[in-house]
Structure formats: structure tokens, C-alpha cells
Amino acid sequence: METRRIVRIGSSFYVALPKTWVQERVGGNGIVALTVEEDGSLKITPFSIRKQDEKKQVSLLCSKDLFRNIVSAYLRGFEVIEITVNPECRDDVLRTVERARQLLLGLELVGEEPGLVVLQSFTRPDYDLDSLVQRMSSTTLSMLNLSFRVVETGDLSLAEKILYMDDIVDRLYFLAVRIIRSRISDPSYPSSEKVKLVDTRVVVRNLENLGDLLEEFIRAGVVKGKVDWELYDRLASFQKRVVALALGESIVRENIYEEYLTLEDKLARARVILPPRFYETLEDMKSLLKDILDLS
């Protein structure tokens, strides 16, 4: 291990870095990223600045797995996706591309040539991840409210709104995962923040699953029945507070756990009046939210 002396000049402190390391690792830009680790040590990482026209790209082939491969490339942070096509599969590729565009926020078709289709993601790396989580939560809460109204009234036009909102939740989820994975793989991103990103990945997954539960409930066919709006209020309040706690807001965890126990009792009592499938959906939602609470 090599030691270095810290030199004070005026109000600033300086330390000399090994010349060979700087020449080999840092290069001409002269920029390093500083990360304060949890144990108090300071991590120095060469900061690579990509040229503006240098984009992370991947090439794909026309295949039955094309949709899955496009989604995978998007989640892995690729900016440009080139798809090699032939006349026989061109129409299928374009249909698959359109399907992917409907799901993946920021993905656009930017080039179309006889043997090549080019997609590019225009997502920003500086998205506010907490804001995305809040949008996912608020959208699933709207879906929950509509689900109670559908059961109470039998109005199937409300069911269509729920399916539309689930598509929004899915798009927000894939964007959030793309951002999370990009930041985790970024060596200049603070290590202390990467731990939070792992937890946030679980939060967005569970929120996406909440939307899926309500979508599945609606698609299976809704039977009109009784609802308990006080139960809705308790479930919605529990979700808001759990998500806020997961995002770092100053909330006493024990108070939320007491709220969970009250919700659990309320849901058990409402079982006798709720349609069975609706009760099961709400029970599963409660469990997903409890998983988020257990992270905090």
C-alpha cells in the first residue's frame, strides 16, 4: 500500500496522484470521480467522458425473440438498436418495433433502410427516479379507486380506463429499471446511493405488480357487488405512506406497521361482503405493499 501526504495551500487541500496511474487511467481529460464510502474512505475513479457522437449501441437480428431482445437492450441502457432485416421478415419487424415503442418510453424509430431498421432511445440520464416511483404509485392508486367503482357500479367503461392506466405503469416501470441499471453500472455513481437503487428496484417491481393484479382482476370479468370504501381509504393511505418511507421521507416505521395491522383486520372483516376474486386481489396487493415496508 502506498501513502501520500496531504498538502494545504490556502483554504484548499491537495494530494498528488501517481503519475503512471494518471497517464494510463485518466488520460487527457484530467477528470476523476470522487466517492465517499460508508466507512469514510475516499474512492477515486477515472471519469470517462464519451464524445457526443459516440453512442452505446447493439445489433439485433430478425428472430422470434426480437421483441424480448429489444426490451432487454433498452433495459441494459443501449441508446441505439440496429436490427438487420430481410424482405421476408420486414413487416414482422416493423410490427414488433411499433409494439416496443408503445411500451418503452423514449424509444423511437429513427432509420429505415432496405436491410436495416434503427431505433434510438431519447431518455435522459438525469431523470428524477423518485418522481417516477411516485407517478407509478399514484397511477396504481387511481386504478384501485376505479376498481372499487367498477365493482360497485358494474360500469365497464371504467374497466377500460384501468387497462389503459396499467399500460402507463408498465412504461414507467421499464423506464425506471433502465435508469436503475444504468446508474448501478456507472463506476462514477456514488456507492452509497447504489444500495438505495437496489431497494428502489424492488419498490418499482412491486408497484408494477400492483397494476398487473388489478389488470388481471378486470380482464377476468367483473361481477357487480358490495364494496367497503373505508377499506379503500386504509389501503390507499397505507400505500402512500409505505412508498414515502421507501423514498426516504421522515416517517416512523412503527406507526406504519400499526396501520398495516389495522388494514389487515379491516380486510379480514370485509371478506364477507366483497366478491371473492376482488378480496383475493386486495389481499395480494396488501402483501406486495408489506414487502416494500419490510425493506425500510
C-alpha atoms as a PDB file:
ATOM      1  CA  MET A   1       0.000   0.000   0.000  1.00  0.00           C
ATOM      2  CA  GLU A   2       1.279   3.450  -0.935  1.00  0.00           C
ATOM      3  CA  THR A   3       0.782   6.528   1.258  1.00  0.00           C
ATOM      4  CA  ARG A   4       0.571  10.177   0.206  1.00  0.00           C
ATOM      5  CA  ARG A   5       0.863  13.365   2.206  1.00  0.00           C
ATOM      6  CA  ILE A   6      -1.952  15.929   2.072  1.00  0.00           C
ATOM      7  CA  VAL A   7      -0.706  19.460   1.368  1.00  0.00           C
ATOM      8  CA  ARG A   8      -2.641  22.537   2.435  1.00  0.00           C
ATOM      9  CA  ILE A   9      -2.472  25.614   0.219  1.00  0.00           C
ATOM     10  CA  GLY A  10      -4.653  28.462   1.440  1.00  0.00           C
ATOM     11  CA  SER A  11      -8.077  27.050   2.273  1.00  0.00           C
ATOM     12  CA  SER A  12      -7.707  24.023  -0.034  1.00  0.00           C
ATOM     13  CA  PHE A  13      -6.123  20.599   0.445  1.00  0.00           C
ATOM     14  CA  TYR A  14      -4.222  18.706  -2.268  1.00  0.00           C
ATOM     15  CA  VAL A  15      -2.794  15.220  -2.694  1.00  0.00           C
ATOM     16  CA  ALA A  16      -0.530  14.090  -5.548  1.00  0.00           C
ATOM     17  CA  LEU A  17      -1.666  11.066  -7.566  1.00  0.00           C
ATOM     18  CA  PRO A  18       0.782   8.526  -9.040  1.00  0.00           C
ATOM     19  CA  LYS A  19       1.960   9.813 -12.436  1.00  0.00           C
ATOM     20  CA  THR A  20       1.787   6.422 -14.175  1.00  0.00           C
ATOM     21  CA  TRP A  21      -1.764   5.811 -12.934  1.00  0.00           C
ATOM     22  CA  VAL A  22      -2.912   9.220 -14.160  1.00  0.00           C
ATOM     23  CA  GLN A  23      -1.328   8.703 -17.586  1.00  0.00           C
ATOM     24  CA  GLU A  24      -2.732   5.198 -18.044  1.00  0.00           C
ATOM     25  CA  ARG A  25      -6.132   5.540 -16.418  1.00  0.00           C
ATOM     26  CA  VAL A  26      -7.216   9.170 -16.517  1.00  0.00           C
ATOM     27  CA  GLY A  27      -5.850  10.300 -19.844  1.00  0.00           C
ATOM     28  CA  GLY A  28      -6.065  13.766 -21.286  1.00  0.00           C
ATOM     29  CA  ASN A  29      -9.382  14.911 -19.829  1.00  0.00           C
ATOM     30  CA  GLY A  30      -7.865  15.108 -16.332  1.00  0.00           C
ATOM     31  CA  ILE A  31     -11.139  14.348 -14.567  1.00  0.00           C
ATOM     32  CA  VAL A  32     -11.722  11.831 -11.785  1.00  0.00           C
ATOM     33  CA  ALA A  33     -14.868  10.983  -9.830  1.00  0.00           C
ATOM     34  CA  LEU A  34     -14.693  11.140  -6.025  1.00  0.00           C
ATOM     35  CA  THR A  35     -16.923   8.868  -3.941  1.00  0.00           C
ATOM     36  CA  VAL A  36     -17.080   8.931  -0.146  1.00  0.00           C
ATOM     37  CA  GLU A  37     -17.618   5.343   1.025  1.00  0.00           C
ATOM     38  CA  GLU A  38     -19.681   4.404   4.083  1.00  0.00           C
ATOM     39  CA  ASP A  39     -16.510   3.605   6.071  1.00  0.00           C
ATOM     40  CA  GLY A  40     -15.222   7.144   5.471  1.00  0.00           C
ATOM     41  CA  SER A  41     -12.656   6.232   2.807  1.00  0.00           C
ATOM     42  CA  LEU A  42     -12.433   8.181  -0.440  1.00  0.00           C
ATOM     43  CA  LYS A  43     -12.652   6.327  -3.742  1.00  0.00           C
ATOM     44  CA  ILE A  44     -11.060   7.911  -6.829  1.00  0.00           C
ATOM     45  CA  THR A  45     -12.317   6.636 -10.185  1.00  0.00           C
ATOM     46  CA  PRO A  46     -11.244   7.745 -13.682  1.00  0.00           C
ATOM     47  CA  PHE A  47     -14.167   9.631 -15.199  1.00  0.00           C
ATOM     48  CA  SER A  48     -14.698   8.716 -18.818  1.00  0.00           C
ATOM     49  CA  ILE A  49     -16.325  11.416 -20.934  1.00  0.00           C
ATOM     50  CA  ARG A  50     -17.901   9.986 -24.037  1.00  0.00           C
ATOM     51  CA  LYS A  51     -17.837  12.036 -27.182  1.00  0.00           C
ATOM     52  CA  GLN A  52     -21.238  13.453 -28.073  1.00  0.00           C
ATOM     53  CA  ASP A  53     -21.491  11.385 -31.241  1.00  0.00           C
ATOM     54  CA  GLU A  54     -20.340   8.170 -29.522  1.00  0.00           C
ATOM     55  CA  LYS A  55     -23.434   6.210 -28.538  1.00  0.00           C
ATOM     56  CA  LYS A  56     -23.781   2.840 -26.859  1.00  0.00           C
ATOM     57  CA  GLN A  57     -25.326   0.604 -29.491  1.00  0.00           C
ATOM     58  CA  VAL A  58     -26.247  -3.019 -30.147  1.00  0.00           C
ATOM     59  CA  SER A  59     -27.102  -5.013 -33.270  1.00  0.00           C
ATOM     60  CA  LEU A  60     -30.004  -7.471 -33.356  1.00  0.00           C
ATOM     61  CA  LEU A  61     -31.219  -9.995 -35.904  1.00  0.00           C
ATOM     62  CA  CYS A  62     -34.722 -10.690 -37.118  1.00  0.00           C
ATOM     63  CA  SER A  63     -35.993 -13.567 -34.926  1.00  0.00           C
ATOM     64  CA  LYS A  64     -38.983 -14.788 -32.934  1.00  0.00           C
ATOM     65  CA  ASP A  65     -37.313 -13.333 -29.821  1.00  0.00           C
ATOM     66  CA  LEU A  66     -36.920  -9.862 -31.324  1.00  0.00           C
ATOM     67  CA  PHE A  67     -39.410  -8.130 -29.012  1.00  0.00           C
ATOM     68  CA  ARG A  68     -37.771  -9.602 -25.920  1.00  0.00           C
ATOM     69  CA  ASN A  69     -34.316  -8.669 -27.265  1.00  0.00           C
ATOM     70  CA  ILE A  70     -35.392  -5.068 -27.901  1.00  0.00           C
ATOM     71  CA  VAL A  71     -36.745  -4.787 -24.357  1.00  0.00           C
ATOM     72  CA  SER A  72     -33.534  -6.320 -22.984  1.00  0.00           C
ATOM     73  CA  ALA A  73     -31.355  -3.875 -24.939  1.00  0.00           C
ATOM     74  CA  TYR A  74     -33.451  -0.950 -23.689  1.00  0.00           C
ATOM     75  CA  LEU A  75     -33.175  -2.086 -20.069  1.00  0.00           C
ATOM     76  CA  ARG A  76     -29.419  -2.566 -20.418  1.00  0.00           C
ATOM     77  CA  GLY A  77     -29.053   1.079 -21.379  1.00  0.00           C
ATOM     78  CA  PHE A  78     -28.309   0.868 -25.110  1.00  0.00           C
ATOM     79  CA  GLU A  79     -29.008   4.130 -26.906  1.00  0.00           C
ATOM     80  CA  VAL A  80     -29.044   2.801 -30.472  1.00  0.00           C
ATOM     81  CA  ILE A  81     -30.566  -0.534 -31.514  1.00  0.00           C
ATOM     82  CA  GLU A  82     -29.846  -1.677 -35.071  1.00  0.00           C
ATOM     83  CA  ILE A  83     -31.968  -4.531 -36.457  1.00  0.00           C
ATOM     84  CA  THR A  84     -30.823  -6.413 -39.548  1.00  0.00           C
ATOM     85  CA  VAL A  85     -33.847  -7.317 -41.688  1.00  0.00           C
ATOM     86  CA  ASN A  86     -34.607  -9.174 -44.892  1.00  0.00           C
ATOM     87  CA  PRO A  87     -37.669  -8.847 -47.167  1.00  0.00           C
ATOM     88  CA  GLU A  88     -39.343 -11.923 -45.644  1.00  0.00           C
ATOM     89  CA  CYS A  89     -39.362 -10.625 -42.072  1.00  0.00           C
ATOM     90  CA  ARG A  90     -39.516  -6.866 -42.636  1.00  0.00           C
ATOM     91  CA  ASP A  91     -43.245  -6.490 -41.922  1.00  0.00           C
ATOM     92  CA  ASP A  92     -42.960  -8.584 -38.748  1.00  0.00           C
ATOM     93  CA  VAL A  93     -40.009  -6.481 -37.594  1.00  0.00           C
ATOM     94  CA  LEU A  94     -41.898  -3.219 -38.104  1.00  0.00           C
ATOM     95  CA  ARG A  95     -44.899  -4.559 -36.176  1.00  0.00           C
ATOM     96  CA  THR A  96     -42.590  -5.661 -33.363  1.00  0.00           C
ATOM     97  CA  VAL A  97     -40.858  -2.275 -33.348  1.00  0.00           C
ATOM     98  CA  GLU A  98     -44.200  -0.485 -33.047  1.00  0.00           C
ATOM     99  CA  ARG A  99     -45.185  -2.748 -30.163  1.00  0.00           C
ATOM    100  CA  ALA A 100     -41.887  -1.966 -28.419  1.00  0.00           C
ATOM    101  CA  ARG A 101     -42.351   1.776 -28.987  1.00  0.00           C
ATOM    102  CA  GLN A 102     -45.740   1.620 -27.278  1.00  0.00           C
ATOM    103  CA  LEU A 103     -44.146   0.057 -24.198  1.00  0.00           C
ATOM    104  CA  LEU A 104     -40.721   1.686 -23.890  1.00  0.00           C
ATOM    105  CA  LEU A 105     -40.702   5.411 -23.141  1.00  0.00           C
ATOM    106  CA  GLY A 106     -38.304   7.441 -25.266  1.00  0.00           C
ATOM    107  CA  LEU A 107     -37.697   4.715 -27.872  1.00  0.00           C
ATOM    108  CA  GLU A 108     -38.169   5.949 -31.443  1.00  0.00           C
ATOM    109  CA  LEU A 109     -37.712   4.621 -34.978  1.00  0.00           C
ATOM    110  CA  VAL A 110     -35.018   6.877 -36.474  1.00  0.00           C
ATOM    111  CA  GLY A 111     -33.858   4.955 -39.547  1.00  0.00           C
ATOM    112  CA  GLU A 112     -35.333   2.556 -42.078  1.00  0.00           C
ATOM    113  CA  GLU A 113     -33.258   1.180 -44.961  1.00  0.00           C
ATOM    114  CA  PRO A 114     -33.683  -1.904 -47.202  1.00  0.00           C
ATOM    115  CA  GLY A 115     -31.681  -4.159 -44.866  1.00  0.00           C
ATOM    116  CA  LEU A 116     -31.703  -2.220 -41.619  1.00  0.00           C
ATOM    117  CA  VAL A 117     -34.085  -0.713 -39.061  1.00  0.00           C
ATOM    118  CA  VAL A 118     -32.605   1.657 -36.461  1.00  0.00           C
ATOM    119  CA  LEU A 119     -34.127   2.551 -33.094  1.00  0.00           C
ATOM    120  CA  GLN A 120     -32.831   5.153 -30.672  1.00  0.00           C
ATOM    121  CA  SER A 121     -33.679   5.860 -27.045  1.00  0.00           C
ATOM    122  CA  PHE A 122     -34.031   9.542 -26.202  1.00  0.00           C
ATOM    123  CA  THR A 123     -34.348   9.068 -22.438  1.00  0.00           C
ATOM    124  CA  ARG A 124     -32.333  11.439 -20.252  1.00  0.00           C
ATOM    125  CA  PRO A 125     -29.808  10.017 -17.763  1.00  0.00           C
ATOM    126  CA  ASP A 126     -30.784  12.627 -15.157  1.00  0.00           C
ATOM    127  CA  TYR A 127     -34.400  11.548 -14.672  1.00  0.00           C
ATOM    128  CA  ASP A 128     -35.709  12.072 -11.139  1.00  0.00           C
ATOM    129  CA  LEU A 129     -36.154   8.439 -10.114  1.00  0.00           C
ATOM    130  CA  ASP A 130     -38.178   9.295  -7.011  1.00  0.00           C
ATOM    131  CA  SER A 131     -40.625  11.194  -9.213  1.00  0.00           C
ATOM    132  CA  LEU A 132     -41.068   8.120 -11.426  1.00  0.00           C
ATOM    133  CA  VAL A 133     -41.785   5.981  -8.359  1.00  0.00           C
ATOM    134  CA  GLN A 134     -44.371   8.494  -7.156  1.00  0.00           C
ATOM    135  CA  ARG A 135     -46.039   8.513 -10.586  1.00  0.00           C
ATOM    136  CA  MET A 136     -46.220   4.726 -10.581  1.00  0.00           C
ATOM    137  CA  SER A 137     -47.755   4.785  -7.114  1.00  0.00           C
ATOM    138  CA  SER A 138     -50.310   7.490  -7.894  1.00  0.00           C
ATOM    139  CA  THR A 139     -51.365   5.710 -11.096  1.00  0.00           C
ATOM    140  CA  THR A 140     -51.897   2.383  -9.321  1.00  0.00           C
ATOM    141  CA  LEU A 141     -53.900   4.217  -6.648  1.00  0.00           C
ATOM    142  CA  SER A 142     -56.137   5.633  -9.379  1.00  0.00           C
ATOM    143  CA  MET A 143     -56.535   2.097 -10.740  1.00  0.00           C
ATOM    144  CA  LEU A 144     -57.508   0.900  -7.260  1.00  0.00           C
ATOM    145  CA  ASN A 145     -60.130   3.634  -6.913  1.00  0.00           C
ATOM    146  CA  LEU A 146     -61.606   2.767 -10.304  1.00  0.00           C
ATOM    147  CA  SER A 147     -61.651  -0.934  -9.388  1.00  0.00           C
ATOM    148  CA  PHE A 148     -63.798  -0.206  -6.336  1.00  0.00           C
ATOM    149  CA  ARG A 149     -66.133   1.851  -8.535  1.00  0.00           C
ATOM    150  CA  VAL A 150     -66.330  -0.886 -11.186  1.00  0.00           C
ATOM    151  CA  VAL A 151     -67.322  -3.486  -8.587  1.00  0.00           C
ATOM    152  CA  GLU A 152     -69.845  -1.134  -7.007  1.00  0.00           C
ATOM    153  CA  THR A 153     -71.486   0.063 -10.245  1.00  0.00           C
ATOM    154  CA  GLY A 154     -70.671  -2.601 -12.836  1.00  0.00           C
ATOM    155  CA  ASP A 155     -69.647   0.220 -15.222  1.00  0.00           C
ATOM    156  CA  LEU A 156     -67.360  -1.492 -17.757  1.00  0.00           C
ATOM    157  CA  SER A 157     -66.273   1.838 -19.277  1.00  0.00           C
ATOM    158  CA  LEU A 158     -64.277   2.345 -16.074  1.00  0.00           C
ATOM    159  CA  ALA A 159     -62.637  -1.030 -16.655  1.00  0.00           C
ATOM    160  CA  GLU A 160     -61.177   0.252 -19.932  1.00  0.00           C
ATOM    161  CA  LYS A 161     -59.566   3.139 -18.057  1.00  0.00           C
ATOM    162  CA  ILE A 162     -57.922   0.679 -15.676  1.00  0.00           C
ATOM    163  CA  LEU A 163     -56.378  -1.266 -18.565  1.00  0.00           C
ATOM    164  CA  TYR A 164     -55.093   1.988 -20.085  1.00  0.00           C
ATOM    165  CA  MET A 165     -53.540   3.031 -16.769  1.00  0.00           C
ATOM    166  CA  ASP A 166     -51.819  -0.336 -16.422  1.00  0.00           C
ATOM    167  CA  ASP A 167     -50.047   0.362 -19.726  1.00  0.00           C
ATOM    168  CA  ILE A 168     -48.800   3.644 -18.229  1.00  0.00           C
ATOM    169  CA  VAL A 169     -47.494   1.823 -15.146  1.00  0.00           C
ATOM    170  CA  ASP A 170     -45.683  -0.697 -17.364  1.00  0.00           C
ATOM    171  CA  ARG A 171     -43.977   2.085 -19.356  1.00  0.00           C
ATOM    172  CA  LEU A 172     -42.889   3.881 -16.190  1.00  0.00           C
ATOM    173  CA  TYR A 173     -41.583   0.596 -14.790  1.00  0.00           C
ATOM    174  CA  PHE A 174     -39.359  -0.170 -17.782  1.00  0.00           C
ATOM    175  CA  LEU A 175     -38.013   3.385 -17.787  1.00  0.00           C
ATOM    176  CA  ALA A 176     -37.247   3.172 -14.057  1.00  0.00           C
ATOM    177  CA  VAL A 177     -35.433  -0.161 -14.479  1.00  0.00           C
ATOM    178  CA  ARG A 178     -33.379   1.265 -17.365  1.00  0.00           C
ATOM    179  CA  ILE A 179     -32.303   4.201 -15.198  1.00  0.00           C
ATOM    180  CA  ILE A 180     -31.553   1.999 -12.180  1.00  0.00           C
ATOM    181  CA  ARG A 181     -29.427  -0.454 -14.162  1.00  0.00           C
ATOM    182  CA  SER A 182     -27.531   2.356 -15.898  1.00  0.00           C
ATOM    183  CA  ARG A 183     -26.674   4.020 -12.595  1.00  0.00           C
ATOM    184  CA  ILE A 184     -25.647   0.778 -10.907  1.00  0.00           C
ATOM    185  CA  SER A 185     -23.241   0.011 -13.777  1.00  0.00           C
ATOM    186  CA  ASP A 186     -21.823   3.566 -13.732  1.00  0.00           C
ATOM    187  CA  PRO A 187     -18.490   3.496 -11.823  1.00  0.00           C
ATOM    188  CA  SER A 188     -18.762   7.210 -11.069  1.00  0.00           C
ATOM    189  CA  TYR A 189     -22.144   6.858  -9.363  1.00  0.00           C
ATOM    190  CA  PRO A 190     -21.769   7.005  -5.536  1.00  0.00           C
ATOM    191  CA  SER A 191     -21.557   3.544  -3.986  1.00  0.00           C
ATOM    192  CA  SER A 192     -23.726   4.600  -1.052  1.00  0.00           C
ATOM    193  CA  GLU A 193     -26.519   5.512  -3.482  1.00  0.00           C
ATOM    194  CA  LYS A 194     -26.285   2.173  -5.297  1.00  0.00           C
ATOM    195  CA  VAL A 195     -27.580   0.366  -2.213  1.00  0.00           C
ATOM    196  CA  LYS A 196     -30.697   2.529  -2.353  1.00  0.00           C
ATOM    197  CA  LEU A 197     -31.075   1.747  -6.070  1.00  0.00           C
ATOM    198  CA  VAL A 198     -31.308  -1.977  -5.322  1.00  0.00           C
ATOM    199  CA  ASP A 199     -34.166  -1.289  -2.900  1.00  0.00           C
ATOM    200  CA  THR A 200     -35.829   1.047  -5.390  1.00  0.00           C
ATOM    201  CA  ARG A 201     -35.745  -1.757  -7.969  1.00  0.00           C
ATOM    202  CA  VAL A 202     -37.856  -3.874  -5.586  1.00  0.00           C
ATOM    203  CA  VAL A 203     -40.242  -0.961  -4.979  1.00  0.00           C
ATOM    204  CA  VAL A 204     -40.916  -0.351  -8.685  1.00  0.00           C
ATOM    205  CA  ARG A 205     -41.270  -4.090  -9.322  1.00  0.00           C
ATOM    206  CA  ASN A 206     -43.914  -4.379  -6.617  1.00  0.00           C
ATOM    207  CA  LEU A 207     -45.746  -1.284  -7.844  1.00  0.00           C
ATOM    208  CA  GLU A 208     -45.792  -2.746 -11.342  1.00  0.00           C
ATOM    209  CA  ASN A 209     -47.157  -5.971  -9.880  1.00  0.00           C
ATOM    210  CA  LEU A 210     -49.930  -3.985  -8.172  1.00  0.00           C
ATOM    211  CA  GLY A 211     -51.017  -2.738 -11.578  1.00  0.00           C
ATOM    212  CA  ASP A 212     -50.855  -6.251 -13.004  1.00  0.00           C
ATOM    213  CA  LEU A 213     -53.072  -7.598 -10.213  1.00  0.00           C
ATOM    214  CA  LEU A 214     -55.766  -5.032 -10.975  1.00  0.00           C
ATOM    215  CA  GLU A 215     -55.442  -5.634 -14.716  1.00  0.00           C
ATOM    216  CA  GLU A 216     -55.855  -9.399 -14.225  1.00  0.00           C
ATOM    217  CA  PHE A 217     -58.866  -8.815 -11.986  1.00  0.00           C
ATOM    218  CA  ILE A 218     -60.554  -6.673 -14.641  1.00  0.00           C
ATOM    219  CA  ARG A 219     -59.704  -8.952 -17.577  1.00  0.00           C
ATOM    220  CA  ALA A 220     -61.163 -11.974 -15.784  1.00  0.00           C
ATOM    221  CA  GLY A 221     -64.573 -10.264 -15.773  1.00  0.00           C
ATOM    222  CA  VAL A 222     -66.086  -8.158 -13.018  1.00  0.00           C
ATOM    223  CA  VAL A 223     -69.133  -9.243 -11.042  1.00  0.00           C
ATOM    224  CA  LYS A 224     -71.039  -6.345  -9.510  1.00  0.00           C
ATOM    225  CA  GLY A 225     -71.078  -6.473  -5.721  1.00  0.00           C
ATOM    226  CA  LYS A 226     -70.643  -4.627  -2.441  1.00  0.00           C
ATOM    227  CA  VAL A 227     -67.518  -2.670  -1.550  1.00  0.00           C
ATOM    228  CA  ASP A 228     -66.159  -1.059   1.608  1.00  0.00           C
ATOM    229  CA  TRP A 229     -64.882   2.455   0.907  1.00  0.00           C
ATOM    230  CA  GLU A 230     -63.281   2.721   4.347  1.00  0.00           C
ATOM    231  CA  LEU A 231     -61.177  -0.279   3.325  1.00  0.00           C
ATOM    232  CA  TYR A 232     -60.150   1.601   0.175  1.00  0.00           C
ATOM    233  CA  ASP A 233     -59.139   4.638   2.255  1.00  0.00           C
ATOM    234  CA  ARG A 234     -56.991   2.495   4.549  1.00  0.00           C
ATOM    235  CA  LEU A 235     -55.316   0.606   1.705  1.00  0.00           C
ATOM    236  CA  ALA A 236     -54.617   3.817  -0.234  1.00  0.00           C
ATOM    237  CA  SER A 237     -53.231   5.542   2.868  1.00  0.00           C
ATOM    238  CA  PHE A 238     -51.026   2.547   3.650  1.00  0.00           C
ATOM    239  CA  GLN A 239     -49.599   2.539   0.122  1.00  0.00           C
ATOM    240  CA  LYS A 240     -48.857   6.274   0.170  1.00  0.00           C
ATOM    241  CA  ARG A 241     -47.029   6.052   3.484  1.00  0.00           C
ATOM    242  CA  VAL A 242     -45.103   2.902   2.567  1.00  0.00           C
ATOM    243  CA  VAL A 243     -43.862   4.445  -0.689  1.00  0.00           C
ATOM    244  CA  ALA A 244     -42.978   7.710   1.072  1.00  0.00           C
ATOM    245  CA  LEU A 245     -40.953   5.771   3.657  1.00  0.00           C
ATOM    246  CA  ALA A 246     -39.179   3.810   0.909  1.00  0.00           C
ATOM    247  CA  LEU A 247     -38.217   7.101  -0.758  1.00  0.00           C
ATOM    248  CA  GLY A 248     -36.594   8.352   2.421  1.00  0.00           C
ATOM    249  CA  GLU A 249     -39.264  10.596   3.923  1.00  0.00           C
ATOM    250  CA  SER A 250     -39.115  11.039   7.679  1.00  0.00           C
ATOM    251  CA  ILE A 251     -41.901   8.717   8.853  1.00  0.00           C
ATOM    252  CA  VAL A 252     -41.920   6.492  11.930  1.00  0.00           C
ATOM    253  CA  ARG A 253     -41.886   2.926  10.631  1.00  0.00           C
ATOM    254  CA  GLU A 254     -43.646   1.561  13.722  1.00  0.00           C
ATOM    255  CA  ASN A 255     -46.637   3.830  13.031  1.00  0.00           C
ATOM    256  CA  ILE A 256     -46.938   2.442   9.508  1.00  0.00           C
ATOM    257  CA  TYR A 257     -46.737  -1.101  10.839  1.00  0.00           C
ATOM    258  CA  GLU A 258     -49.637  -0.349  13.191  1.00  0.00           C
ATOM    259  CA  GLU A 259     -51.525   0.968  10.164  1.00  0.00           C
ATOM    260  CA  TYR A 260     -50.760  -2.322   8.407  1.00  0.00           C
ATOM    261  CA  LEU A 261     -52.238  -4.335  11.287  1.00  0.00           C
ATOM    262  CA  THR A 262     -55.382  -2.189  11.196  1.00  0.00           C
ATOM    263  CA  LEU A 263     -55.630  -2.706   7.425  1.00  0.00           C
ATOM    264  CA  GLU A 264     -55.174  -6.447   7.848  1.00  0.00           C
ATOM    265  CA  ASP A 265     -58.033  -6.582  10.350  1.00  0.00           C
ATOM    266  CA  LYS A 266     -60.265  -4.377   8.189  1.00  0.00           C
ATOM    267  CA  LEU A 267     -59.658  -6.533   5.114  1.00  0.00           C
ATOM    268  CA  ALA A 268     -60.418  -9.718   7.035  1.00  0.00           C
ATOM    269  CA  ARG A 269     -63.726  -8.249   8.249  1.00  0.00           C
ATOM    270  CA  ALA A 270     -64.656  -7.097   4.733  1.00  0.00           C
ATOM    271  CA  ARG A 271     -64.198 -10.568   3.296  1.00  0.00           C
ATOM    272  CA  VAL A 272     -67.839 -11.484   3.935  1.00  0.00           C
ATOM    273  CA  ILE A 273     -69.167  -8.654   1.729  1.00  0.00           C
ATOM    274  CA  LEU A 274     -66.546  -8.408  -1.042  1.00  0.00           C
ATOM    275  CA  PRO A 275     -66.728 -10.506  -4.220  1.00  0.00           C
ATOM    276  CA  PRO A 276     -64.227 -13.379  -3.675  1.00  0.00           C
ATOM    277  CA  ARG A 277     -61.856 -12.501  -6.532  1.00  0.00           C
ATOM    278  CA  PHE A 278     -61.819  -8.850  -5.506  1.00  0.00           C
ATOM    279  CA  TYR A 279     -60.953  -9.836  -1.939  1.00  0.00           C
ATOM    280  CA  GLU A 280     -58.098 -12.039  -3.187  1.00  0.00           C
ATOM    281  CA  THR A 281     -56.764  -9.184  -5.341  1.00  0.00           C
ATOM    282  CA  LEU A 282     -56.766  -6.772  -2.400  1.00  0.00           C
ATOM    283  CA  GLU A 283     -55.114  -9.393  -0.189  1.00  0.00           C
ATOM    284  CA  ASP A 284     -52.312  -9.826  -2.740  1.00  0.00           C
ATOM    285  CA  MET A 285     -51.901  -6.044  -3.013  1.00  0.00           C
ATOM    286  CA  LYS A 286     -51.584  -5.777   0.755  1.00  0.00           C
ATOM    287  CA  SER A 287     -48.808  -8.401   0.701  1.00  0.00           C
ATOM    288  CA  LEU A 288     -46.855  -6.556  -2.009  1.00  0.00           C
ATOM    289  CA  LEU A 289     -47.024  -3.330  -0.009  1.00  0.00           C
ATOM    290  CA  LYS A 290     -45.925  -5.173   3.139  1.00  0.00           C
ATOM    291  CA  ASP A 291     -42.846  -6.361   1.204  1.00  0.00           C
ATOM    292  CA  ILE A 292     -41.969  -2.725   0.479  1.00  0.00           C
ATOM    293  CA  LEU A 293     -42.433  -1.841   4.147  1.00  0.00           C
ATOM    294  CA  ASP A 294     -40.086  -4.668   5.145  1.00  0.00           C
ATOM    295  CA  LEU A 295     -37.334  -3.084   3.011  1.00  0.00           C
ATOM    296  CA  SER A 296     -37.353   0.134   5.003  1.00  0.00           C
END
